[in-house]
Amino acid sequence: MLEENTFFRVRTQGVGVISRELAQAVGRLGPAHPRVGVGYDVRRAEPYSSYGDFDFVVPVETAGDCYARYRVRMVEFRQSIRIVRQALDGLPEGRSRRGPA
């Protein structure tokens, strides 16, 4: 609903633009990179914990504006849910706690 809202798009597209070159030059890492066309994610490049066991998408937007940052965050939220579901599916079955406590 928000993503297609004309007022939201007018207020966020083309606003607060950071180029890929500037982001890299000043060392802006982490969530800033996918917003400027750099698809680097340490969880994918150098998996730690159990991230290597999960299938997920690293979001990339090239506009580098507020709207692109919003879109990346929305994909990140969905991918986080995807990772959690995979983790839950991989948990071993436990004892049932049915009956009197």
PDB file of N, CA and C in Angstrom:
ATOM      1  N   MET A   1       0.828  -1.187   0.000  1.00  0.00           N
ATOM      2  CA  MET A   1       0.000   0.000   0.000  1.00  0.00           C
ATOM      3  C   MET A   1       0.880   1.260   0.000  1.00  0.00           C
ATOM      4  N   LEU A   2       1.888   1.280   0.828  1.00  0.00           N
ATOM      5  CA  LEU A   2       2.758   2.453   0.916  1.00  0.00           C
ATOM      6  C   LEU A   2       3.643   2.583  -0.320  1.00  0.00           C
ATOM      7  N   GLU A   3       4.123   1.457  -0.804  1.00  0.00           N
ATOM      8  CA  GLU A   3       5.062   1.471  -1.924  1.00  0.00           C
ATOM      9  C   GLU A   3       4.489   2.116  -3.179  1.00  0.00           C
ATOM     10  N   GLU A   4       3.192   1.976  -3.392  1.00  0.00           N
ATOM     11  CA  GLU A   4       2.558   2.547  -4.584  1.00  0.00           C
ATOM     12  C   GLU A   4       1.870   3.893  -4.303  1.00  0.00           C
ATOM     13  N   ASN A   5       1.978   4.385  -3.079  1.00  0.00           N
ATOM     14  CA  ASN A   5       1.351   5.643  -2.701  1.00  0.00           C
ATOM     15  C   ASN A   5       2.075   6.812  -3.369  1.00  0.00           C
ATOM     16  N   THR A   6       1.350   7.595  -4.143  1.00  0.00           N
ATOM     17  CA  THR A   6       1.934   8.703  -4.902  1.00  0.00           C
ATOM     18  C   THR A   6       2.626   9.706  -3.997  1.00  0.00           C
ATOM     19  N   PHE A   7       1.996  10.064  -2.894  1.00  0.00           N
ATOM     20  CA  PHE A   7       2.588  11.059  -1.990  1.00  0.00           C
ATOM     21  C   PHE A   7       3.887  10.541  -1.379  1.00  0.00           C
ATOM     22  N   PHE A   8       3.901   9.276  -0.987  1.00  0.00           N
ATOM     23  CA  PHE A   8       5.106   8.678  -0.417  1.00  0.00           C
ATOM     24  C   PHE A   8       6.229   8.670  -1.445  1.00  0.00           C
ATOM     25  N   ARG A   9       5.906   8.292  -2.668  1.00  0.00           N
ATOM     26  CA  ARG A   9       6.929   8.225  -3.711  1.00  0.00           C
ATOM     27  C   ARG A   9       7.480   9.608  -4.046  1.00  0.00           C
ATOM     28  N   VAL A  10       6.611  10.609  -4.124  1.00  0.00           N
ATOM     29  CA  VAL A  10       7.064  11.970  -4.431  1.00  0.00           C
ATOM     30  C   VAL A  10       8.009  12.471  -3.337  1.00  0.00           C
ATOM     31  N   ARG A  11       7.735  12.116  -2.098  1.00  0.00           N
ATOM     32  CA  ARG A  11       8.553  12.592  -0.975  1.00  0.00           C
ATOM     33  C   ARG A  11       9.832  11.788  -0.773  1.00  0.00           C
ATOM     34  N   THR A  12       9.950  10.611  -1.405  1.00  0.00           N
ATOM     35  CA  THR A  12      11.124   9.772  -1.157  1.00  0.00           C
ATOM     36  C   THR A  12      11.985   9.514  -2.385  1.00  0.00           C
ATOM     37  N   GLN A  13      11.422   9.544  -3.576  1.00  0.00           N
ATOM     38  CA  GLN A  13      12.214   9.291  -4.775  1.00  0.00           C
ATOM     39  C   GLN A  13      13.058  10.509  -5.116  1.00  0.00           C
ATOM     40  N   GLY A  14      14.345  10.272  -5.307  1.00  0.00           N
ATOM     41  CA  GLY A  14      15.266  11.355  -5.636  1.00  0.00           C
ATOM     42  C   GLY A  14      15.719  12.162  -4.426  1.00  0.00           C
ATOM     43  N   VAL A  15      15.319  11.753  -3.237  1.00  0.00           N
ATOM     44  CA  VAL A  15      15.657  12.471  -2.005  1.00  0.00           C
ATOM     45  C   VAL A  15      16.759  11.717  -1.260  1.00  0.00           C
ATOM     46  N   GLY A  16      17.751  12.434  -0.776  1.00  0.00           N
ATOM     47  CA  GLY A  16      18.830  11.836   0.010  1.00  0.00           C
ATOM     48  C   GLY A  16      19.669  10.848  -0.770  1.00  0.00           C
ATOM     49  N   VAL A  17      19.947  11.175  -2.011  1.00  0.00           N
ATOM     50  CA  VAL A  17      20.666  10.245  -2.880  1.00  0.00           C
ATOM     51  C   VAL A  17      22.135  10.153  -2.477  1.00  0.00           C
ATOM     52  N   ILE A  18      22.630   8.923  -2.408  1.00  0.00           N
ATOM     53  CA  ILE A  18      24.058   8.671  -2.209  1.00  0.00           C
ATOM     54  C   ILE A  18      24.490   7.732  -3.325  1.00  0.00           C
ATOM     55  N   SER A  19      25.574   8.102  -4.012  1.00  0.00           N
ATOM     56  CA  SER A  19      26.050   7.285  -5.130  1.00  0.00           C
ATOM     57  C   SER A  19      26.841   6.089  -4.606  1.00  0.00           C
ATOM     58  N   ARG A  20      26.975   5.106  -5.454  1.00  0.00           N
ATOM     59  CA  ARG A  20      27.756   3.911  -5.115  1.00  0.00           C
ATOM     60  C   ARG A  20      29.208   4.310  -4.826  1.00  0.00           C
ATOM     61  N   GLU A  21      29.737   5.185  -5.665  1.00  0.00           N
ATOM     62  CA  GLU A  21      31.129   5.615  -5.512  1.00  0.00           C
ATOM     63  C   GLU A  21      31.350   6.318  -4.174  1.00  0.00           C
ATOM     64  N   LEU A  22      30.432   7.215  -3.817  1.00  0.00           N
ATOM     65  CA  LEU A  22      30.574   7.927  -2.544  1.00  0.00           C
ATOM     66  C   LEU A  22      30.446   6.962  -1.372  1.00  0.00           C
ATOM     67  N   ALA A  23      29.503   6.056  -1.438  1.00  0.00           N
ATOM     68  CA  ALA A  23      29.315   5.088  -0.353  1.00  0.00           C
ATOM     69  C   ALA A  23      30.581   4.275  -0.138  1.00  0.00           C
ATOM     70  N   GLN A  24      31.201   3.831  -1.218  1.00  0.00           N
ATOM     71  CA  GLN A  24      32.432   3.054  -1.095  1.00  0.00           C
ATOM     72  C   GLN A  24      33.600   3.918  -0.636  1.00  0.00           C
ATOM     73  N   ALA A  25      33.670   5.151  -1.118  1.00  0.00           N
ATOM     74  CA  ALA A  25      34.777   6.042  -0.757  1.00  0.00           C
ATOM     75  C   ALA A  25      34.790   6.380   0.723  1.00  0.00           C
ATOM     76  N   VAL A  26      33.625   6.543   1.319  1.00  0.00           N
ATOM     77  CA  VAL A  26      33.565   6.903   2.738  1.00  0.00           C
ATOM     78  C   VAL A  26      33.383   5.690   3.639  1.00  0.00           C
ATOM     79  N   GLY A  27      33.411   4.489   3.027  1.00  0.00           N
ATOM     80  CA  GLY A  27      33.330   3.263   3.819  1.00  0.00           C
ATOM     81  C   GLY A  27      31.964   2.992   4.391  1.00  0.00           C
ATOM     82  N   ARG A  28      30.933   3.429   3.712  1.00  0.00           N
ATOM     83  CA  ARG A  28      29.576   3.193   4.193  1.00  0.00           C
ATOM     84  C   ARG A  28      29.213   1.745   3.891  1.00  0.00           C
ATOM     85  N   LEU A  29      29.212   0.933   4.920  1.00  0.00           N
ATOM     86  CA  LEU A  29      28.995  -0.501   4.760  1.00  0.00           C
ATOM     87  C   LEU A  29      27.649  -0.906   5.339  1.00  0.00           C
ATOM     88  N   GLY A  30      27.403  -2.188   5.330  1.00  0.00           N
ATOM     89  CA  GLY A  30      26.176  -2.712   5.921  1.00  0.00           C
ATOM     90  C   GLY A  30      24.971  -2.428   5.057  1.00  0.00           C
ATOM     91  N   PRO A  31      23.848  -2.109   5.674  1.00  0.00           N
ATOM     92  CA  PRO A  31      22.604  -1.925   4.929  1.00  0.00           C
ATOM     93  C   PRO A  31      22.657  -0.802   3.893  1.00  0.00           C
ATOM     94  N   ALA A  32      23.625   0.082   3.984  1.00  0.00           N
ATOM     95  CA  ALA A  32      23.711   1.162   2.996  1.00  0.00           C
ATOM     96  C   ALA A  32      24.102   0.631   1.629  1.00  0.00           C
ATOM     97  N   HIS A  33      24.955  -0.361   1.581  1.00  0.00           N
ATOM     98  CA  HIS A  33      25.444  -0.859   0.298  1.00  0.00           C
ATOM     99  C   HIS A  33      24.367  -1.423  -0.606  1.00  0.00           C
ATOM    100  N   PRO A  34      23.454  -2.264  -0.144  1.00  0.00           N
ATOM    101  CA  PRO A  34      22.454  -2.780  -1.077  1.00  0.00           C
ATOM    102  C   PRO A  34      21.623  -1.673  -1.710  1.00  0.00           C
ATOM    103  N   ARG A  35      21.552  -0.543  -1.076  1.00  0.00           N
ATOM    104  CA  ARG A  35      20.751   0.559  -1.602  1.00  0.00           C
ATOM    105  C   ARG A  35      21.449   1.297  -2.725  1.00  0.00           C
ATOM    106  N   VAL A  36      22.730   1.080  -2.880  1.00  0.00           N
ATOM    107  CA  VAL A  36      23.466   1.794  -3.929  1.00  0.00           C
ATOM    108  C   VAL A  36      24.098   0.837  -4.926  1.00  0.00           C
ATOM    109  N   GLY A  37      23.513  -0.316  -5.089  1.00  0.00           N
ATOM    110  CA  GLY A  37      23.943  -1.248  -6.117  1.00  0.00           C
ATOM    111  C   GLY A  37      25.054  -2.195  -5.738  1.00  0.00           C
ATOM    112  N   VAL A  38      25.411  -2.285  -4.468  1.00  0.00           N
ATOM    113  CA  VAL A  38      26.443  -3.211  -4.028  1.00  0.00           C
ATOM    114  C   VAL A  38      25.764  -4.337  -3.264  1.00  0.00           C
ATOM    115  N   GLY A  39      25.815  -5.532  -3.804  1.00  0.00           N
ATOM    116  CA  GLY A  39      25.113  -6.656  -3.196  1.00  0.00           C
ATOM    117  C   GLY A  39      25.957  -7.447  -2.216  1.00  0.00           C
ATOM    118  N   TYR A  40      26.850  -6.792  -1.504  1.00  0.00           N
ATOM    119  CA  TYR A  40      27.702  -7.479  -0.535  1.00  0.00           C
ATOM    120  C   TYR A  40      26.959  -7.631   0.783  1.00  0.00           C
ATOM    121  N   ASP A  41      26.958  -8.848   1.292  1.00  0.00           N
ATOM    122  CA  ASP A  41      26.372  -9.135   2.597  1.00  0.00           C
ATOM    123  C   ASP A  41      27.308 -10.117   3.277  1.00  0.00           C
ATOM    124  N   VAL A  42      27.842  -9.739   4.430  1.00  0.00           N
ATOM    125  CA  VAL A  42      28.829 -10.577   5.113  1.00  0.00           C
ATOM    126  C   VAL A  42      28.246 -11.942   5.464  1.00  0.00           C
ATOM    127  N   ARG A  43      26.936 -12.014   5.688  1.00  0.00           N
ATOM    128  CA  ARG A  43      26.320 -13.311   5.998  1.00  0.00           C
ATOM    129  C   ARG A  43      26.433 -14.258   4.814  1.00  0.00           C
ATOM    130  N   ARG A  44      26.503 -13.722   3.616  1.00  0.00           N
ATOM    131  CA  ARG A  44      26.635 -14.534   2.402  1.00  0.00           C
ATOM    132  C   ARG A  44      28.123 -14.707   2.046  1.00  0.00           C
ATOM    133  N   ALA A  45      28.899 -13.638   2.115  1.00  0.00           N
ATOM    134  CA  ALA A  45      30.304 -13.660   1.703  1.00  0.00           C
ATOM    135  C   ALA A  45      31.184 -14.442   2.679  1.00  0.00           C
ATOM    136  N   GLU A  46      30.963 -14.246   3.971  1.00  0.00           N
ATOM    137  CA  GLU A  46      31.742 -14.924   5.010  1.00  0.00           C
ATOM    138  C   GLU A  46      30.775 -15.408   6.083  1.00  0.00           C
ATOM    139  N   PRO A  47      30.018 -16.460   5.778  1.00  0.00           N
ATOM    140  CA  PRO A  47      28.957 -16.897   6.700  1.00  0.00           C
ATOM    141  C   PRO A  47      29.482 -17.204   8.100  1.00  0.00           C
ATOM    142  N   TYR A  48      28.806 -16.678   9.074  1.00  0.00           N
ATOM    143  CA  TYR A  48      29.122 -16.955  10.465  1.00  0.00           C
ATOM    144  C   TYR A  48      27.882 -17.582  11.087  1.00  0.00           C
ATOM    145  N   SER A  49      28.045 -18.117  12.278  1.00  0.00           N
ATOM    146  CA  SER A  49      26.957 -18.819  12.951  1.00  0.00           C
ATOM    147  C   SER A  49      26.433 -19.883  11.990  1.00  0.00           C
ATOM    148  N   SER A  50      25.162 -19.891  11.689  1.00  0.00           N
ATOM    149  CA  SER A  50      24.626 -20.904  10.765  1.00  0.00           C
ATOM    150  C   SER A  50      24.063 -20.273   9.493  1.00  0.00           C
ATOM    151  N   TYR A  51      24.439 -19.027   9.191  1.00  0.00           N
ATOM    152  CA  TYR A  51      23.907 -18.355   8.005  1.00  0.00           C
ATOM    153  C   TYR A  51      24.200 -19.125   6.711  1.00  0.00           C
ATOM    154  N   GLY A  52      25.264 -19.884   6.682  1.00  0.00           N
ATOM    155  CA  GLY A  52      25.590 -20.669   5.500  1.00  0.00           C
ATOM    156  C   GLY A  52      24.568 -21.753   5.203  1.00  0.00           C
ATOM    157  N   ASP A  53      23.748 -22.086   6.193  1.00  0.00           N
ATOM    158  CA  ASP A  53      22.729 -23.127   6.031  1.00  0.00           C
ATOM    159  C   ASP A  53      21.414 -22.607   5.482  1.00  0.00           C
ATOM    160  N   PHE A  54      21.278 -21.288   5.358  1.00  0.00           N
ATOM    161  CA  PHE A  54      19.990 -20.717   4.971  1.00  0.00           C
ATOM    162  C   PHE A  54      20.026 -20.120   3.575  1.00  0.00           C
ATOM    163  N   ASP A  55      18.884 -20.223   2.908  1.00  0.00           N
ATOM    164  CA  ASP A  55      18.714 -19.635   1.588  1.00  0.00           C
ATOM    165  C   ASP A  55      18.023 -18.281   1.765  1.00  0.00           C
ATOM    166  N   PHE A  56      18.659 -17.214   1.301  1.00  0.00           N
ATOM    167  CA  PHE A  56      18.057 -15.885   1.384  1.00  0.00           C
ATOM    168  C   PHE A  56      18.596 -14.998   0.281  1.00  0.00           C
ATOM    169  N   VAL A  57      17.873 -13.939  -0.007  1.00  0.00           N
ATOM    170  CA  VAL A  57      18.223 -13.000  -1.071  1.00  0.00           C
ATOM    171  C   VAL A  57      18.838 -11.752  -0.453  1.00  0.00           C
ATOM    172  N   VAL A  58      19.915 -11.275  -1.060  1.00  0.00           N
ATOM    173  CA  VAL A  58      20.525 -10.015  -0.651  1.00  0.00           C
ATOM    174  C   VAL A  58      19.918  -8.925  -1.538  1.00  0.00           C
ATOM    175  N   PRO A  59      19.126  -8.017  -0.948  1.00  0.00           N
ATOM    176  CA  PRO A  59      18.459  -7.000  -1.763  1.00  0.00           C
ATOM    177  C   PRO A  59      19.429  -5.963  -2.317  1.00  0.00           C
ATOM    178  N   VAL A  60      19.191  -5.557  -3.552  1.00  0.00           N
ATOM    179  CA  VAL A  60      20.021  -4.534  -4.204  1.00  0.00           C
ATOM    180  C   VAL A  60      19.107  -3.544  -4.912  1.00  0.00           C
ATOM    181  N   GLU A  61      19.320  -2.289  -4.659  1.00  0.00           N
ATOM    182  CA  GLU A  61      18.645  -1.192  -5.366  1.00  0.00           C
ATOM    183  C   GLU A  61      19.740  -0.267  -5.864  1.00  0.00           C
ATOM    184  N   THR A  62      19.531   0.352  -6.996  1.00  0.00           N
ATOM    185  CA  THR A  62      20.589   1.192  -7.572  1.00  0.00           C
ATOM    186  C   THR A  62      20.337   2.689  -7.437  1.00  0.00           C
ATOM    187  N   ALA A  63      19.128   3.095  -7.112  1.00  0.00           N
ATOM    188  CA  ALA A  63      18.805   4.527  -7.078  1.00  0.00           C
ATOM    189  C   ALA A  63      19.541   5.261  -5.964  1.00  0.00           C
ATOM    190  N   GLY A  64      19.760   4.626  -4.819  1.00  0.00           N
ATOM    191  CA  GLY A  64      20.478   5.252  -3.716  1.00  0.00           C
ATOM    192  C   GLY A  64      19.699   6.336  -3.002  1.00  0.00           C
ATOM    193  N   ASP A  65      18.392   6.427  -3.229  1.00  0.00           N
ATOM    194  CA  ASP A  65      17.580   7.459  -2.571  1.00  0.00           C
ATOM    195  C   ASP A  65      16.772   6.866  -1.420  1.00  0.00           C
ATOM    196  N   CYS A  66      15.973   7.702  -0.779  1.00  0.00           N
ATOM    197  CA  CYS A  66      15.158   7.258   0.361  1.00  0.00           C
ATOM    198  C   CYS A  66      14.191   6.145  -0.028  1.00  0.00           C
ATOM    199  N   TYR A  67      13.627   6.237  -1.222  1.00  0.00           N
ATOM    200  CA  TYR A  67      12.688   5.214  -1.682  1.00  0.00           C
ATOM    201  C   TYR A  67      13.400   3.863  -1.840  1.00  0.00           C
ATOM    202  N   ALA A  68      14.615   3.888  -2.384  1.00  0.00           N
ATOM    203  CA  ALA A  68      15.400   2.663  -2.525  1.00  0.00           C
ATOM    204  C   ALA A  68      15.729   2.071  -1.158  1.00  0.00           C
ATOM    205  N   ARG A  69      16.053   2.929  -0.191  1.00  0.00           N
ATOM    206  CA  ARG A  69      16.343   2.448   1.163  1.00  0.00           C
ATOM    207  C   ARG A  69      15.111   1.793   1.771  1.00  0.00           C
ATOM    208  N   TYR A  70      13.951   2.397   1.546  1.00  0.00           N
ATOM    209  CA  TYR A  70      12.692   1.808   2.024  1.00  0.00           C
ATOM    210  C   TYR A  70      12.490   0.431   1.391  1.00  0.00           C
ATOM    211  N   ARG A  71      12.667   0.342   0.077  1.00  0.00           N
ATOM    212  CA  ARG A  71      12.438  -0.929  -0.624  1.00  0.00           C
ATOM    213  C   ARG A  71      13.395  -2.011  -0.139  1.00  0.00           C
ATOM    214  N   VAL A  72      14.653  -1.643   0.100  1.00  0.00           N
ATOM    215  CA  VAL A  72      15.623  -2.613   0.617  1.00  0.00           C
ATOM    216  C   VAL A  72      15.197  -3.098   1.992  1.00  0.00           C
ATOM    217  N   ARG A  73      14.762  -2.197   2.844  1.00  0.00           N
ATOM    218  CA  ARG A  73      14.327  -2.597   4.187  1.00  0.00           C
ATOM    219  C   ARG A  73      13.155  -3.567   4.132  1.00  0.00           C
ATOM    220  N   MET A  74      12.226  -3.332   3.234  1.00  0.00           N
ATOM    221  CA  MET A  74      11.070  -4.230   3.112  1.00  0.00           C
ATOM    222  C   MET A  74      11.516  -5.629   2.683  1.00  0.00           C
ATOM    223  N   VAL A  75      12.458  -5.694   1.744  1.00  0.00           N
ATOM    224  CA  VAL A  75      12.978  -6.999   1.328  1.00  0.00           C
ATOM    225  C   VAL A  75      13.739  -7.640   2.486  1.00  0.00           C
ATOM    226  N   GLU A  76      14.509  -6.837   3.230  1.00  0.00           N
ATOM    227  CA  GLU A  76      15.241  -7.378   4.379  1.00  0.00           C
ATOM    228  C   GLU A  76      14.292  -7.977   5.409  1.00  0.00           C
ATOM    229  N   PHE A  77      13.181  -7.303   5.674  1.00  0.00           N
ATOM    230  CA  PHE A  77      12.192  -7.840   6.618  1.00  0.00           C
ATOM    231  C   PHE A  77      11.678  -9.191   6.142  1.00  0.00           C
ATOM    232  N   ARG A  78      11.314  -9.272   4.864  1.00  0.00           N
ATOM    233  CA  ARG A  78      10.791 -10.527   4.306  1.00  0.00           C
ATOM    234  C   ARG A  78      11.846 -11.634   4.351  1.00  0.00           C
ATOM    235  N   GLN A  79      13.086 -11.287   4.057  1.00  0.00           N
ATOM    236  CA  GLN A  79      14.152 -12.286   4.077  1.00  0.00           C
ATOM    237  C   GLN A  79      14.461 -12.737   5.504  1.00  0.00           C
ATOM    238  N   SER A  80      14.339 -11.850   6.469  1.00  0.00           N
ATOM    239  CA  SER A  80      14.521 -12.239   7.867  1.00  0.00           C
ATOM    240  C   SER A  80      13.469 -13.258   8.278  1.00  0.00           C
ATOM    241  N   ILE A  81      12.246 -13.023   7.865  1.00  0.00           N
ATOM    242  CA  ILE A  81      11.166 -13.977   8.156  1.00  0.00           C
ATOM    243  C   ILE A  81      11.473 -15.313   7.477  1.00  0.00           C
ATOM    244  N   ARG A  82      11.976 -15.252   6.250  1.00  0.00           N
ATOM    245  CA  ARG A  82      12.328 -16.476   5.513  1.00  0.00           C
ATOM    246  C   ARG A  82      13.407 -17.262   6.258  1.00  0.00           C
ATOM    247  N   ILE A  83      14.424 -16.568   6.774  1.00  0.00           N
ATOM    248  CA  ILE A  83      15.496 -17.229   7.527  1.00  0.00           C
ATOM    249  C   ILE A  83      14.950 -17.847   8.805  1.00  0.00           C
ATOM    250  N   VAL A  84      14.110 -17.117   9.520  1.00  0.00           N
ATOM    251  CA  VAL A  84      13.530 -17.638  10.764  1.00  0.00           C
ATOM    252  C   VAL A  84      12.702 -18.886  10.489  1.00  0.00           C
ATOM    253  N   ARG A  85      11.904 -18.856   9.428  1.00  0.00           N
ATOM    254  CA  ARG A  85      11.088 -20.040   9.086  1.00  0.00           C
ATOM    255  C   ARG A  85      11.974 -21.238   8.764  1.00  0.00           C
ATOM    256  N   GLN A  86      13.066 -21.011   8.046  1.00  0.00           N
ATOM    257  CA  GLN A  86      13.980 -22.111   7.751  1.00  0.00           C
ATOM    258  C   GLN A  86      14.606 -22.650   9.033  1.00  0.00           C
ATOM    259  N   ALA A  87      14.959 -21.752   9.946  1.00  0.00           N
ATOM    260  CA  ALA A  87      15.541 -22.182  11.217  1.00  0.00           C
ATOM    261  C   ALA A  87      14.531 -23.005  12.014  1.00  0.00           C
ATOM    262  N   LEU A  88      13.296 -22.540  12.061  1.00  0.00           N
ATOM    263  CA  LEU A  88      12.257 -23.274  12.790  1.00  0.00           C
ATOM    264  C   LEU A  88      12.003 -24.643  12.162  1.00  0.00           C
ATOM    265  N   ASP A  89      11.987 -24.697  10.841  1.00  0.00           N
ATOM    266  CA  ASP A  89      11.775 -25.976  10.150  1.00  0.00           C
ATOM    267  C   ASP A  89      12.904 -26.956  10.442  1.00  0.00           C
ATOM    268  N   GLY A  90      14.086 -26.447  10.731  1.00  0.00           N
ATOM    269  CA  GLY A  90      15.245 -27.303  10.982  1.00  0.00           C
ATOM    270  C   GLY A  90      15.398 -27.751  12.423  1.00  0.00           C
ATOM    271  N   LEU A  91      14.558 -27.248  13.310  1.00  0.00           N
ATOM    272  CA  LEU A  91      14.657 -27.645  14.715  1.00  0.00           C
ATOM    273  C   LEU A  91      14.182 -29.080  14.892  1.00  0.00           C
ATOM    274  N   PRO A  92      14.846 -29.822  15.764  1.00  0.00           N
ATOM    275  CA  PRO A  92      14.392 -31.192  16.016  1.00  0.00           C
ATOM    276  C   PRO A  92      13.086 -31.194  16.804  1.00  0.00           C
ATOM    277  N   GLU A  93      12.345 -32.267  16.646  1.00  0.00           N
ATOM    278  CA  GLU A  93      11.107 -32.412  17.410  1.00  0.00           C
ATOM    279  C   GLU A  93      11.455 -32.591  18.873  1.00  0.00           C
ATOM    280  N   GLY A  94      10.652 -32.018  19.729  1.00  0.00           N
ATOM    281  CA  GLY A  94      10.867 -32.165  21.165  1.00  0.00           C
ATOM    282  C   GLY A  94       9.757 -32.989  21.782  1.00  0.00           C
ATOM    283  N   ARG A  95       9.859 -33.203  23.071  1.00  0.00           N
ATOM    284  CA  ARG A  95       8.804 -33.934  23.785  1.00  0.00           C
ATOM    285  C   ARG A  95       7.565 -33.084  23.841  1.00  0.00           C
ATOM    286  N   SER A  96       6.434 -33.722  23.817  1.00  0.00           N
ATOM    287  CA  SER A  96       5.171 -33.030  23.953  1.00  0.00           C
ATOM    288  C   SER A  96       4.967 -32.630  25.409  1.00  0.00           C
ATOM    289  N   ARG A  97       4.419 -31.465  25.617  1.00  0.00           N
ATOM    290  CA  ARG A  97       4.163 -31.002  26.987  1.00  0.00           C
ATOM    291  C   ARG A  97       2.683 -31.054  27.290  1.00  0.00           C
ATOM    292  N   ARG A  98       1.982 -31.953  26.633  1.00  0.00           N
ATOM    293  CA  ARG A  98       0.564 -32.085  26.885  1.00  0.00           C
ATOM    294  C   ARG A  98       0.324 -32.765  28.216  1.00  0.00           C
ATOM    295  N   GLY A  99      -0.818 -32.512  28.770  1.00  0.00           N
ATOM    296  CA  GLY A  99      -1.188 -33.134  30.035  1.00  0.00           C
ATOM    297  C   GLY A  99      -1.026 -32.173  31.182  1.00  0.00           C
ATOM    298  N   PRO A 100      -1.218 -32.665  32.383  1.00  0.00           N
ATOM    299  CA  PRO A 100      -1.135 -31.780  33.560  1.00  0.00           C
ATOM    300  C   PRO A 100       0.269 -31.214  33.717  1.00  0.00           C
ATOM    301  N   ALA A 101       0.310 -29.981  34.158  1.00  0.00           N
ATOM    302  CA  ALA A 101       1.594 -29.301  34.336  1.00  0.00           C
ATOM    303  C   ALA A 101       2.254 -29.684  35.616  1.00  0.00           C
TER     304      ALA A 101
END
